[in-house]
Amino acid sequence: METITSDILTGLGLAITLAGAWITARAVILKEADAINIGLSRVVGGTNEEKLQLPMVQNLLASSRGARRGLLFIAGGTALQIVPIAIRLILRALA
């Protein structure tokens, strides 16, 4: 396979990996209000600040923070892999 074709396919694959990671992380990243709505029954009283301290809500928020961190690592790693490929393709186009 020609080098340029290989670079294009590799770059495309990395872009698809990044898109998939974003879609997956977006499904589990929650706002505080969403965590309260999902983690508690409707009859629980108290303020939102009190509800945010409950174990189920804390668990959901911790999972959401982990998903954000994971997405950042995947995005950073993917970007580091795409940069040299993009540079090679740009240099070939200019030559």
Protein backbone atom coordinates (compact mmCIF):
# COMPACT_ATOMS: atom_id res chain seq x y z
CA MET A 1 0.00 0.00 0.00
CA GLU A 2 1.26 3.44 -0.87
CA THR A 3 2.50 5.53 2.06
CA ILE A 4 0.07 8.39 1.45
CA THR A 5 -2.88 6.00 1.36
CA SER A 6 -1.66 4.40 4.57
CA ASP A 7 -1.35 7.81 6.26
CA ILE A 8 -4.85 8.85 5.16
CA LEU A 9 -6.39 5.60 6.41
CA THR A 10 -4.51 5.82 9.71
CA GLY A 11 -5.59 9.43 10.22
CA LEU A 12 -9.18 8.52 9.38
CA GLY A 13 -9.08 5.61 11.83
CA LEU A 14 -7.76 7.84 14.59
CA ALA A 15 -10.45 10.44 13.90
CA ILE A 16 -13.12 7.72 14.13
CA THR A 17 -11.58 6.54 17.43
CA LEU A 18 -11.79 10.06 18.80
CA ALA A 19 -15.41 10.45 17.65
CA GLY A 20 -16.34 7.12 19.25
CA ALA A 21 -14.68 8.08 22.51
CA TRP A 22 -16.56 11.39 22.52
CA ILE A 23 -19.92 9.70 21.88
CA THR A 24 -19.26 7.11 24.60
CA ALA A 25 -18.11 9.65 27.18
CA ARG A 26 -20.98 11.99 26.39
CA ALA A 27 -23.43 9.24 27.29
CA VAL A 28 -22.11 9.03 30.86
CA ILE A 29 -21.04 12.61 31.58
CA LEU A 30 -23.67 14.14 33.86
CA LYS A 31 -24.49 17.56 35.24
CA GLU A 32 -25.22 17.77 38.97
CA ALA A 33 -28.95 18.21 38.34
CA ASP A 34 -29.00 15.11 36.12
CA ALA A 35 -27.21 13.06 38.78
CA ILE A 36 -29.80 14.15 41.36
CA ASN A 37 -32.70 13.26 39.05
CA ILE A 38 -31.25 9.84 38.18
CA GLY A 39 -29.87 8.93 41.61
CA LEU A 40 -32.78 9.83 43.86
CA SER A 41 -36.45 9.07 44.06
CA ARG A 42 -38.88 11.93 43.56
CA VAL A 43 -39.99 11.91 47.23
CA VAL A 44 -36.57 12.74 48.68
CA GLY A 45 -36.70 16.15 50.31
CA GLY A 46 -34.02 18.69 51.03
CA THR A 47 -32.00 21.17 49.06
CA ASN A 48 -29.88 20.32 46.04
CA GLU A 49 -26.75 20.87 48.14
CA GLU A 50 -27.94 18.18 50.58
CA LYS A 51 -28.91 15.85 47.75
CA LEU A 52 -25.47 16.22 46.17
CA GLN A 53 -23.93 14.67 49.30
CA LEU A 54 -25.94 11.44 49.06
CA PRO A 55 -23.96 8.31 48.10
CA MET A 56 -25.83 7.46 44.89
CA VAL A 57 -25.47 10.99 43.53
CA GLN A 58 -21.78 11.07 44.54
CA ASN A 59 -21.25 7.75 42.73
CA LEU A 60 -22.84 9.06 39.54
CA LEU A 61 -20.78 12.26 39.67
CA ALA A 62 -17.56 10.29 40.27
CA SER A 63 -18.33 8.13 37.22
CA SER A 64 -18.97 11.26 35.19
CA ARG A 65 -15.62 12.79 36.25
CA GLY A 66 -13.88 9.53 35.30
CA ALA A 67 -15.53 9.59 31.88
CA ARG A 68 -14.31 13.16 31.33
CA ARG A 69 -10.76 12.25 32.32
CA GLY A 70 -10.82 9.18 30.11
CA LEU A 71 -12.06 11.21 27.16
CA LEU A 72 -9.27 13.75 27.68
CA PHE A 73 -6.62 11.02 27.69
CA ILE A 74 -8.04 9.36 24.58
CA ALA A 75 -8.36 12.70 22.80
CA GLY A 76 -4.82 13.72 23.76
CA GLY A 77 -3.33 10.39 22.68
CA THR A 78 -5.24 10.43 19.42
CA ALA A 79 -4.16 14.00 18.70
CA LEU A 80 -0.52 13.09 19.34
CA GLN A 81 -0.84 10.27 16.80
CA ILE A 82 -2.62 12.42 14.19
CA VAL A 83 -0.12 15.33 14.27
CA PRO A 84 2.82 13.58 12.53
CA ILE A 85 0.50 12.07 9.93
CA ALA A 86 -1.06 15.47 9.21
CA ILE A 87 2.39 17.08 8.93
CA ARG A 88 3.56 14.40 6.46
CA LEU A 89 0.43 14.82 4.33
CA ILE A 90 0.75 18.62 4.32
CA LEU A 91 4.44 18.47 3.40
CA ARG A 92 3.67 16.05 0.55
CA ALA A 93 0.91 18.32 -0.72
CA LEU A 94 3.26 21.34 -0.70
CA ALA A 95 6.08 19.48 -2.44
